[in-house]
């Protein structure tokens, strides 16, 4: 992260490589090694990366901190600080000091410069412009990846929910189908039973007709009773159809 929360909106003092004018003693005519951000006294300064800090004092820089980010071959210096932490290891985002005007300073501001590998005061080419420096961190990149993974997981969860709903619908359909099949099976069983009964009735009917045709009963009442049974049986057969 950037040293100041309002970094992008703060006014600049001396910019990177700007030549000091006359009146600045030994600095006159030399390029400015970093970037000055004008801010009120006591404005919080933050640890830009996880890493180690060392407290330094200087006539020009006043109260300073040298920051050694983990995994980066650079040194970041904060100067003119009002207050600062002592030597130690700090995490990105922790407050490590306050803006001030100590040392060779004409007002409250943060001087920030970035060296590659080592601080070489006489070699401007070894410094990086803080204005164009990439203050984004691996931690920030990891958070972005985590957010993408969380989004993907949420989408996957929605897919799983939709799949489970489809499975539930299919299971319900299968249960309905099973119920229909069971009902049809029962009806088929009844039909089969009726069919057997119909065959039995047909056999009985044939026998009765044979009796009526070939061996008529001299008892008219018995014949009428037989005819009534035959009529009833025929009706029953027709109803099965």
Protein backbone atom coordinates (compact mmCIF):
# COMPACT_ATOMS: atom_id res chain seq x y z
CA UNK A 1 0.00 0.00 0.00
CA UNK A 2 1.03 3.62 -0.37
CA UNK A 3 2.68 5.44 2.58
CA UNK A 4 -0.24 7.87 3.00
CA UNK A 5 -3.91 7.00 2.65
CA UNK A 6 -4.60 10.16 0.65
CA UNK A 7 -1.37 9.83 -1.34
CA UNK A 8 -2.90 10.45 -4.79
CA UNK A 9 -4.76 13.60 -3.72
CA UNK A 10 -1.99 15.31 -1.76
CA UNK A 11 0.01 18.15 -3.26
CA UNK A 12 3.60 17.48 -4.22
CA UNK A 13 6.59 19.47 -3.02
CA UNK A 14 9.87 18.60 -4.70
CA UNK A 15 9.34 15.87 -7.26
CA UNK A 16 11.66 13.06 -8.34
CA UNK A 17 14.83 14.34 -10.15
CA UNK A 18 13.76 17.97 -9.65
CA UNK A 19 16.89 20.16 -9.27
CA UNK A 20 17.29 21.94 -5.97
CA UNK A 21 17.48 25.73 -6.50
CA UNK A 22 20.12 27.91 -4.91
CA UNK A 23 19.74 28.52 -1.22
CA UNK A 24 19.65 24.85 -0.27
CA UNK A 25 23.26 24.61 0.70
CA UNK A 26 25.00 21.43 -0.43
CA UNK A 27 21.77 20.24 -2.06
CA UNK A 28 21.61 23.20 -4.47
CA UNK A 29 22.03 22.08 -8.09
CA UNK A 30 21.53 18.40 -7.22
CA UNK A 31 18.55 16.26 -8.22
CA UNK A 32 15.91 15.44 -5.65
CA UNK A 33 16.15 11.73 -4.87
CA UNK A 34 12.50 11.12 -4.10
CA UNK A 35 9.07 12.71 -3.86
CA UNK A 36 7.72 15.13 -1.26
CA UNK A 37 4.04 14.80 -0.27
CA UNK A 38 2.68 17.78 1.66
CA UNK A 39 0.50 16.77 4.61
CA UNK A 40 -0.43 18.08 8.03
CA UNK A 41 1.73 17.43 11.08
CA UNK A 42 0.79 14.14 12.71
CA UNK A 43 -0.72 12.59 9.58
CA UNK A 44 -0.32 8.83 9.87
CA UNK A 45 2.32 7.04 7.84
CA UNK A 46 1.81 3.38 6.99
CA UNK A 47 3.98 0.34 6.40
CA UNK A 48 3.77 -0.20 2.63
CA UNK A 49 4.78 -3.89 2.69
CA UNK A 50 5.50 -6.60 5.21
CA UNK A 51 9.12 -6.24 6.29
CA UNK A 52 11.70 -4.72 8.58
CA UNK A 53 12.29 -1.09 9.55
CA UNK A 54 15.34 0.70 10.92
CA UNK A 55 15.28 4.09 12.63
CA UNK A 56 17.86 6.64 11.41
CA UNK A 57 18.62 10.26 12.25
CA UNK A 58 20.20 12.87 9.99
CA UNK A 59 20.84 16.59 9.76
CA UNK A 60 18.99 16.80 6.48
CA UNK A 61 16.45 13.99 6.84
CA UNK A 62 15.68 14.49 10.53
CA UNK A 63 13.78 11.54 11.98
CA UNK A 64 13.93 8.82 9.33
CA UNK A 65 12.84 5.24 8.78
CA UNK A 66 14.48 2.84 6.39
CA UNK A 67 12.09 0.13 5.23
CA UNK A 68 13.24 -3.24 3.89
CA UNK A 69 10.24 -5.03 2.31
CA UNK A 70 10.26 -8.82 2.40
CA UNK A 71 11.12 -10.39 -0.94
CA UNK A 72 11.95 -7.07 -2.63
CA UNK A 73 15.48 -5.84 -3.32
CA UNK A 74 14.64 -2.23 -2.50
CA UNK A 75 14.99 0.23 0.40
CA UNK A 76 12.23 2.77 1.06
CA UNK A 77 13.07 5.82 3.17
CA UNK A 78 10.64 8.09 5.03
CA UNK A 79 12.14 11.41 6.20
CA UNK A 80 11.28 14.50 8.31
CA UNK A 81 8.99 12.41 10.55
CA UNK A 82 7.43 13.85 13.68
CA UNK A 83 7.26 10.47 15.40
CA UNK A 84 8.30 6.97 14.34
CA UNK A 85 8.50 3.38 15.55
CA UNK A 86 11.68 1.72 16.71
CA UNK A 87 13.55 -0.99 14.84
CA UNK A 88 11.49 -4.09 14.21
CA UNK A 89 9.33 -6.10 11.87
CA UNK A 90 5.96 -4.76 10.82
CA UNK A 91 3.05 -5.81 8.66
CA UNK A 92 1.63 -3.96 5.70
CA UNK A 93 -0.89 -1.36 6.81
CA UNK A 94 0.49 -0.82 10.32
CA UNK A 95 1.09 2.78 11.42
CA UNK A 96 4.83 3.33 11.72
CA UNK A 97 5.05 7.09 12.16
CA UNK A 98 3.65 10.57 11.58
CA UNK A 99 4.34 13.37 9.12
CA UNK A 100 6.54 16.13 10.52
CA UNK A 101 9.12 18.76 9.61
CA UNK A 102 12.32 17.56 11.28
CA UNK A 103 15.75 18.00 9.68
CA UNK A 104 16.28 20.29 6.67
CA UNK A 105 12.62 21.00 6.02
CA UNK A 106 10.61 24.09 5.22
CA UNK A 107 7.26 22.65 6.32
CA UNK A 108 5.34 19.51 7.22
CA UNK A 109 5.69 16.89 4.54
CA UNK A 110 6.85 13.34 3.85
CA UNK A 111 9.99 12.81 1.82
CA UNK A 112 9.87 9.31 0.33
CA UNK A 113 12.58 7.79 -1.83
CA UNK A 114 13.19 4.27 -3.11
CA UNK A 115 16.64 2.77 -3.76
CA UNK A 116 17.46 -0.38 -5.67
CA UNK A 117 19.57 -2.76 -3.58
CA UNK A 118 21.43 -0.10 -1.60
CA UNK A 119 21.25 3.64 -0.92
CA UNK A 120 23.64 5.41 -3.28
CA UNK A 121 23.19 9.13 -2.64
CA UNK A 122 25.38 10.20 -5.54
CA UNK A 123 23.72 7.91 -8.10
CA UNK A 124 20.27 9.19 -9.09
CA UNK A 125 19.91 6.31 -11.54
CA UNK A 126 19.78 3.91 -8.60
CA UNK A 127 16.56 5.55 -7.38
CA UNK A 128 12.97 4.86 -8.46
CA UNK A 129 10.28 7.50 -8.86
CA UNK A 130 7.78 6.92 -5.99
CA UNK A 131 5.02 8.47 -8.13
CA UNK A 132 5.25 5.73 -10.75
CA UNK A 133 6.36 2.93 -8.42
CA UNK A 134 4.03 -0.06 -8.15
CA UNK A 135 2.82 0.05 -4.56
CA UNK A 136 0.57 -2.94 -5.11
CA UNK A 137 1.58 -5.96 -3.08
CA UNK A 138 1.58 -9.70 -3.49
CA UNK A 139 -0.84 -9.63 -0.60
CA UNK A 140 -3.14 -7.43 -2.66
CA UNK A 141 -2.77 -9.76 -5.63
CA UNK A 142 -3.53 -12.73 -3.40
CA UNK A 143 -6.64 -10.98 -2.10
CA UNK A 144 -7.74 -10.45 -5.70
CA UNK A 145 -7.20 -14.13 -6.43
CA UNK A 146 -9.06 -15.06 -3.24
CA UNK A 147 -11.98 -12.85 -4.27
CA UNK A 148 -12.07 -14.51 -7.69
CA UNK A 149 -11.98 -17.94 -6.04
CA UNK A 150 -14.78 -16.94 -3.68
CA UNK A 151 -16.83 -15.76 -6.64
CA UNK A 152 -16.12 -19.01 -8.50
CA UNK A 153 -17.10 -21.01 -5.39
CA UNK A 154 -20.33 -19.03 -5.07
CA UNK A 155 -21.13 -19.75 -8.73
CA UNK A 156 -20.27 -23.42 -8.15
CA UNK A 157 -22.56 -23.47 -5.12
CA UNK A 158 -25.38 -22.08 -7.26
CA UNK A 159 -24.67 -24.77 -9.85
CA UNK A 160 -24.75 -27.45 -7.14
CA UNK A 161 -28.03 -26.06 -5.79
CA UNK A 162 -29.52 -26.11 -9.30
CA UNK A 163 -28.21 -29.64 -9.83
CA UNK A 164 -29.63 -30.82 -6.50
CA UNK A 165 -32.98 -29.26 -7.43
CA UNK A 166 -32.93 -31.10 -10.77
CA UNK A 167 -32.03 -34.35 -9.00
CA UNK A 168 -34.88 -33.81 -6.53
CA UNK A 169 -37.28 -33.18 -9.42
CA UNK A 170 -36.05 -36.32 -11.18
CA UNK A 171 -36.40 -38.34 -7.99
CA UNK A 172 -39.93 -37.01 -7.56
CA UNK A 173 -40.67 -37.90 -11.17
CA UNK A 174 -39.24 -41.38 -10.61
CA UNK A 175 -41.40 -41.83 -7.52
CA UNK A 176 -44.41 -40.71 -9.52
CA UNK A 177 -43.44 -43.12 -12.29
CA UNK A 178 -42.97 -45.92 -9.76
CA UNK A 179 -46.40 -45.15 -8.35
CA UNK A 180 -47.94 -45.23 -11.83
CA UNK A 181 -46.13 -48.47 -12.64
CA UNK A 182 -47.33 -50.00 -9.37
CA UNK A 183 -50.88 -48.87 -10.12
CA UNK A 184 -50.69 -50.28 -13.63
CA UNK A 185 -49.25 -53.51 -12.26
CA UNK A 186 -52.14 -53.79 -9.86
CA UNK A 187 -54.63 -53.05 -12.63
CA UNK A 188 -52.94 -55.59 -14.89
CA UNK A 189 -53.19 -58.13 -12.09
CA UNK A 190 -56.90 -57.36 -11.75
CA UNK A 191 -57.34 -57.58 -15.52
CA UNK A 192 -55.50 -60.89 -15.51
CA UNK A 193 -57.75 -62.12 -12.72
CA UNK A 194 -60.82 -60.91 -14.58
CA UNK A 195 -59.52 -62.62 -17.70
CA UNK A 196 -59.18 -65.92 -15.85
CA UNK A 197 -62.65 -65.45 -14.40
CA UNK A 198 -63.98 -64.67 -17.86
CA UNK A 199 -62.49 -67.91 -19.23
CA UNK A 200 -64.04 -69.80 -16.34
CA UNK A 201 -67.41 -68.15 -16.97
CA UNK A 202 -67.14 -68.91 -20.68
CA UNK A 203 -66.47 -72.56 -19.92
CA UNK A 204 -69.43 -72.66 -17.54
CA UNK A 205 -71.60 -70.85 -20.07
CA UNK A 206 -70.71 -73.35 -22.78
CA UNK A 207 -71.56 -76.24 -20.50
CA UNK A 208 -74.91 -74.68 -19.59
CA UNK A 209 -75.72 -74.02 -23.24
CA UNK A 210 -74.82 -77.59 -24.06
CA UNK A 211 -77.18 -78.75 -21.35
CA UNK A 212 -79.94 -76.46 -22.59
CA UNK A 213 -79.39 -77.47 -26.19
CA UNK A 214 -78.69 -81.14 -25.95
CA UNK A 215 -80.41 -82.14 -22.72
CA UNK A 216 -83.33 -79.77 -22.13
CA UNK A 217 -84.88 -80.06 -18.72
CA UNK A 218 -88.56 -80.96 -18.73
CA UNK A 219 -88.91 -78.60 -15.76
CA UNK A 220 -89.80 -75.24 -17.35
CA UNK A 221 -88.84 -73.36 -14.17
CA UNK A 222 -85.41 -74.96 -14.18
CA UNK A 223 -84.94 -73.97 -17.81
CA UNK A 224 -85.93 -70.39 -17.06
CA UNK A 225 -83.49 -70.34 -14.16
CA UNK A 226 -80.73 -71.61 -16.44
CA UNK A 227 -81.55 -68.98 -19.05
CA UNK A 228 -81.44 -66.24 -16.38
CA UNK A 229 -78.00 -67.43 -15.29
CA UNK A 230 -76.80 -67.48 -18.91
CA UNK A 231 -78.14 -63.93 -19.43
CA UNK A 232 -76.42 -62.70 -16.29
CA UNK A 233 -73.14 -64.32 -17.28
CA UNK A 234 -73.28 -62.81 -20.79
CA UNK A 235 -73.92 -59.39 -19.25
CA UNK A 236 -70.95 -59.83 -16.94
CA UNK A 237 -68.74 -60.78 -19.90
CA UNK A 238 -69.92 -57.75 -21.87
CA UNK A 239 -69.16 -55.46 -18.93
CA UNK A 240 -65.56 -56.76 -18.84
CA UNK A 241 -65.13 -55.71 -22.47
